[in-house]
Every structure is written in structure tokens, then in C-alpha cells.
Amino acid sequence: MTLSAPAERAISFYSKGQPAFILEGVVHEPLQKMQLAPVVILCHPQPASSNMNDSLLVVLARALALAGMYAVRFNFRGVGRSQGQQTDGRLEPLDLAGAIDMALSLPGANPAKLCVVGHGFGAYIGLLYAPFDQRVRTLVSVSLPLFRATSGFPRPFERPKLFVTGEFDEICPLYKLEPFVEQQSGPKGIKVITGARHLMRGFEEPAVLAILNYINKWASMPGV
């Protein structure tokens, strides 16, 4: 007997802000529809060299759908078929805002269980945006490029968060990440992926397992 796979479908939606741009994405629908399904938004690494088809995000999105959640991958402005021009982080938070609006309109999406997962550049955008949107209930930052935030972030993210890094991350080594995380307020944790470098190439499976375990626990906790 062949097990059915979760449905994946191409979507388009508008960024927030003016002018609004049409962005492209993919929705991974939960394999078994619950009454209310948690929603996870996935933000890709550096737009100049990556997109929503980042290998870690694709594997993670499929695993989340198998676990009964909506997962949404999308291209930031100026990437792939998304309209607009890249702004190196200045306006990309508006793209994440648009993705959240779209995702919460999906049938059966649980507005009380919204998670943002950012990888590399996407982790930076997640930490920039999430503190200003109360709908984001938890945040997973994978391979956070701390050099982008030498003067800190405008506002701390007080809700639960997980930082995932590679043992040999050449962009944000553990000795730099640890003091940053220690300064963060609210629930927080660090997960180190043994043997992995910055973008987790070749280590997608253990990284996805760590992220999925965290999100599953968070999704099962009422009021978090």
C-alpha cells in the first residue's frame, strides 16, 4: 500500500506596504486536516543566492505537512517570479507580513498557532518582524547571520524561540550566538547540529528533526 503525500500547490499573494508586490509561494497542506491546523511560515536564506526551494526548507515543509500543519514557503521580493527588487532586508519584512496574512486565510488555519521559521537571511527577517506582530507565537532562527545586527534588533521577541546552528557554522559560530541568545528575554533555547556548517547542506535531516520536535511540542501546548 502506498501512503498518500501531503498536497503542495503554487500560490501568489500580495506583500504588505505600498506599492504592494505579487509574491510567489507554495502551500503544503496538512496530510490529515484537523479542525484547526497550526501554521508555519518558512523564510529562505540570502536572496542573491537562494530561494524558497532551499533544501532545508523543502524537507521541513513536507515534514510539517505530514505532522498535520500548514507550511508556507515563499520567495522574497525580486526572487524568482516574485515582483519588486531586493532591498537587503529593509523591506523584506513586508513580504513576511503578506505571507502571514495569506496563510491565516487558509481553511482551518489556527490563528493561535502561528510559527515563523527563518533560515540564514530569513532568520534575520523573522527576528526583525516577529516582535511587531502578536500573531507570531513562536520563532525558529536557523543559522542566524548576526553580522547583520551589529547594533541589535529594534525590539526583542518575548515569546518562545529556538536558535538552531551548525557545529561548524562559519558565519555565526556558537561562541558568538550564545551570548546573543543569553541576552534575549522570554523562553529561549539553542540546538547545535553536529557536523553542520552555516546552511546545513548534507545535514538537513537532523536539522529538520530538531526543528520538528520543537514545533510539535509547542503546537501541543495550550495557550503558548
Protein backbone atom coordinates (compact mmCIF):
# COMPACT_ATOMS: atom_id res chain seq x y z
CA MET A 1 0.00 0.00 0.00
CA THR A 2 1.34 3.44 -0.95
CA LEU A 3 0.87 6.19 1.59
CA SER A 4 -0.51 9.43 0.17
CA ALA A 5 1.69 12.51 0.33
CA PRO A 6 0.55 15.94 1.51
CA ALA A 7 -0.68 18.23 -1.25
CA GLU A 8 1.61 21.03 -2.46
CA ARG A 9 0.23 23.86 -4.53
CA ALA A 10 1.61 27.04 -6.01
CA ILE A 11 0.13 30.29 -4.72
CA SER A 12 0.55 34.02 -5.17
CA PHE A 13 -0.24 36.77 -2.70
CA TYR A 14 0.46 40.45 -2.05
CA SER A 15 3.17 41.84 0.17
CA LYS A 16 2.17 44.48 2.68
CA GLY A 17 3.12 48.09 2.12
CA GLN A 18 2.78 50.41 -0.83
CA PRO A 19 3.39 49.57 -3.55
CA ALA A 20 2.29 46.00 -2.85
CA PHE A 21 4.06 43.32 -4.89
CA ILE A 22 2.77 39.95 -6.02
CA LEU A 23 4.91 37.24 -4.42
CA GLU A 24 5.06 33.57 -5.32
CA GLY A 25 4.95 30.72 -2.89
CA VAL A 26 3.99 27.12 -2.20
CA VAL A 27 1.46 25.89 0.36
CA HIS A 28 1.98 22.44 1.85
CA GLU A 29 -1.39 21.30 3.15
CA PRO A 30 -1.67 19.10 6.25
CA LEU A 31 -1.99 15.43 5.34
CA GLN A 32 -4.79 14.94 7.84
CA LYS A 33 -6.95 18.01 8.30
CA MET A 34 -7.59 18.75 11.94
CA GLN A 35 -10.30 21.20 12.99
CA LEU A 36 -7.61 23.87 13.38
CA ALA A 37 -4.14 23.31 11.94
CA PRO A 38 -1.01 25.13 13.15
CA VAL A 39 0.63 27.33 10.50
CA VAL A 40 4.37 27.61 9.84
CA ILE A 41 5.85 30.29 7.54
CA LEU A 42 9.29 29.46 6.10
CA CYS A 43 11.70 32.26 5.10
CA HIS A 44 14.60 31.43 2.80
CA PRO A 45 18.32 32.36 3.02
CA GLN A 46 20.17 35.15 1.18
CA PRO A 47 18.05 36.24 -1.83
CA ALA A 48 21.10 36.75 -4.06
CA SER A 49 21.92 33.04 -3.93
CA SER A 50 18.89 31.23 -2.55
CA ASN A 51 15.11 30.98 -2.79
CA MET A 52 12.10 29.14 -1.40
CA ASN A 53 13.45 25.88 -2.83
CA ASP A 54 16.26 25.88 -0.26
CA SER A 55 16.77 22.19 0.51
CA LEU A 56 16.27 22.53 4.27
CA LEU A 57 13.01 24.43 3.88
CA VAL A 58 11.57 21.98 1.34
CA VAL A 59 12.28 18.96 3.55
CA LEU A 60 10.96 20.79 6.61
CA ALA A 61 7.78 21.93 4.87
CA ARG A 62 6.94 18.37 3.83
CA ALA A 63 7.63 17.06 7.33
CA LEU A 64 5.38 19.72 8.85
CA ALA A 65 2.54 18.83 6.48
CA LEU A 66 2.92 15.15 7.40
CA ALA A 67 2.63 16.23 11.04
CA GLY A 68 -0.73 17.89 10.35
CA MET A 69 0.34 21.50 9.87
CA TYR A 70 0.17 24.06 7.11
CA ALA A 71 3.62 25.04 5.83
CA VAL A 72 4.16 28.01 3.51
CA ARG A 73 7.35 28.66 1.54
CA PHE A 74 7.65 31.86 -0.48
CA ASN A 75 10.11 33.97 -2.42
CA PHE A 76 11.02 37.39 -1.09
CA ARG A 77 10.60 40.34 -3.46
CA GLY A 78 12.88 40.25 -6.50
CA VAL A 79 13.49 36.49 -6.17
CA GLY A 80 12.21 34.01 -8.75
CA ARG A 81 8.83 35.18 -10.02
CA SER A 82 8.14 37.48 -7.08
CA GLN A 83 7.75 41.08 -8.17
CA GLY A 84 9.83 44.01 -6.95
CA GLN A 85 13.50 44.43 -6.20
CA GLN A 86 15.62 43.02 -3.41
CA THR A 87 16.34 45.52 -0.61
CA ASP A 88 18.83 43.55 1.53
CA GLY A 89 16.46 43.37 4.47
CA ARG A 90 14.94 46.85 4.51
CA LEU A 91 11.53 45.97 3.06
CA GLU A 92 11.50 42.16 3.09
CA PRO A 93 9.66 42.15 6.46
CA LEU A 94 6.66 43.43 4.48
CA ASP A 95 6.83 40.23 2.42
CA LEU A 96 6.69 38.12 5.56
CA ALA A 97 3.70 40.15 6.75
CA GLY A 98 1.90 39.42 3.48
CA ALA A 99 2.69 35.71 3.77
CA ILE A 100 1.21 35.63 7.27
CA ASP A 101 -1.97 37.38 6.13
CA MET A 102 -2.37 34.87 3.30
CA ALA A 103 -1.59 31.82 5.45
CA LEU A 104 -4.09 32.72 8.14
CA SER A 105 -6.80 32.89 5.48
CA LEU A 106 -6.30 29.21 4.60
CA PRO A 107 -9.25 26.97 5.52
CA GLY A 108 -8.80 25.58 9.01
CA ALA A 109 -5.67 27.61 9.81
CA ASN A 110 -5.28 28.13 13.55
CA PRO A 111 -4.63 31.83 14.23
CA ALA A 112 -3.45 30.99 17.76
CA LYS A 113 -0.70 28.69 16.50
CA LEU A 114 1.49 30.60 14.05
CA CYS A 115 5.23 29.92 13.83
CA VAL A 116 7.87 31.63 11.70
CA VAL A 117 10.98 29.67 10.70
CA GLY A 118 13.82 31.65 9.13
CA HIS A 119 16.98 30.22 7.57
CA GLY A 120 20.03 32.46 7.23
CA PHE A 121 18.82 35.81 5.86
CA GLY A 122 15.28 34.58 6.57
CA ALA A 123 16.16 34.17 10.25
CA TYR A 124 17.24 37.82 10.33
CA ILE A 125 13.97 38.93 8.73
CA GLY A 126 12.00 36.82 11.20
CA LEU A 127 13.68 38.46 14.19
CA LEU A 128 13.16 41.91 12.68
CA TYR A 129 9.47 41.40 12.03
CA ALA A 130 8.05 39.00 14.62
CA PRO A 131 8.27 41.30 17.68
CA PHE A 132 5.87 43.73 15.96
CA ASP A 133 3.20 41.11 15.14
CA GLN A 134 1.37 39.49 18.05
CA ARG A 135 0.10 36.77 15.72
CA VAL A 136 3.58 35.21 15.64
CA ARG A 137 3.54 32.93 18.66
CA THR A 138 6.95 31.28 18.29
CA LEU A 139 10.09 31.75 16.21
CA VAL A 140 12.79 29.37 14.96
CA SER A 141 16.01 31.03 13.76
CA VAL A 142 18.29 28.74 11.79
CA SER A 143 21.86 29.90 11.07
CA LEU A 144 21.17 33.49 12.14
CA PRO A 145 23.64 35.89 10.41
CA LEU A 146 24.41 38.03 13.45
CA PHE A 147 26.69 40.34 11.45
CA ARG A 148 23.51 41.90 10.06
CA ALA A 149 22.50 43.08 13.54
CA THR A 150 25.67 44.63 14.94
CA SER A 151 23.59 47.34 16.62
CA GLY A 152 20.96 44.87 17.81
CA PHE A 153 17.32 44.46 16.84
CA PRO A 154 14.72 47.24 17.21
CA ARG A 155 12.58 45.23 19.62
CA PRO A 156 13.07 41.92 21.46
CA PHE A 157 10.88 38.90 20.70
CA GLU A 158 9.45 37.98 24.11
CA ARG A 159 7.66 34.78 23.11
CA PRO A 160 9.19 31.26 22.84
CA LYS A 161 12.07 30.90 20.38
CA LEU A 162 14.65 28.35 19.27
CA PHE A 163 18.02 29.10 17.69
CA VAL A 164 19.48 26.33 15.52
CA THR A 165 23.12 26.47 14.45
CA GLY A 166 25.69 24.19 12.87
CA GLU A 167 28.65 22.91 14.87
CA PHE A 168 30.93 24.45 12.24
CA ASP A 169 28.84 27.49 11.28
CA GLU A 170 31.40 29.82 9.71
CA ILE A 171 29.04 32.84 9.65
CA CYS A 172 27.69 32.70 13.19
CA PRO A 173 29.76 30.33 15.32
CA LEU A 174 28.36 29.14 18.62
CA TYR A 175 30.68 31.34 20.66
CA LYS A 176 29.04 34.39 19.06
CA LEU A 177 25.49 33.05 19.14
CA GLU A 178 25.48 32.01 22.81
CA PRO A 179 25.96 35.48 24.33
CA PHE A 180 23.34 36.90 21.95
CA VAL A 181 20.80 34.27 22.99
CA GLU A 182 21.59 34.72 26.68
CA GLN A 183 20.59 38.37 26.37
CA GLN A 184 17.20 37.53 24.87
CA SER A 185 14.18 37.84 27.11
CA GLY A 186 11.46 35.21 27.34
CA PRO A 187 11.68 31.44 26.72
CA LYS A 188 14.64 30.50 24.50
CA GLY A 189 16.93 27.65 23.56
CA ILE A 190 19.82 26.64 21.30
CA LYS A 191 20.14 23.43 19.30
CA VAL A 192 23.52 22.61 17.72
CA ILE A 193 23.52 20.33 14.67
CA THR A 194 26.65 18.18 14.92
CA GLY A 195 28.92 18.40 11.87
CA ALA A 196 26.85 21.03 10.06
CA ARG A 197 28.07 24.28 8.54
CA HIS A 198 26.13 27.50 8.00
CA LEU A 199 23.47 26.39 5.51
CA MET A 200 23.12 22.82 6.85
CA ARG A 201 23.95 21.25 3.47
CA GLY A 202 24.05 17.50 3.93
CA PHE A 203 22.61 17.83 7.43
CA GLU A 204 19.03 18.66 6.53
CA GLU A 205 17.65 15.52 8.20
CA PRO A 206 18.97 16.14 11.74
CA ALA A 207 18.18 19.85 11.45
CA VAL A 208 14.60 19.14 10.37
CA LEU A 209 14.20 16.60 13.17
CA ALA A 210 15.33 19.15 15.78
CA ILE A 211 13.02 21.86 14.40
CA LEU A 212 10.07 19.48 14.03
CA ASN A 213 10.45 18.23 17.59
CA TYR A 214 10.39 21.80 18.89
CA ILE A 215 7.37 22.84 16.81
CA ASN A 216 5.42 19.68 17.68
CA LYS A 217 5.92 20.34 21.40
CA TRP A 218 4.96 23.98 21.03
CA ALA A 219 1.87 23.12 18.94
CA SER A 220 0.64 20.71 21.61
CA MET A 221 0.86 23.26 24.43
CA PRO A 222 -2.35 25.23 25.00
CA GLY A 223 -2.07 28.99 25.21
CA VAL A 224 1.56 29.18 24.04
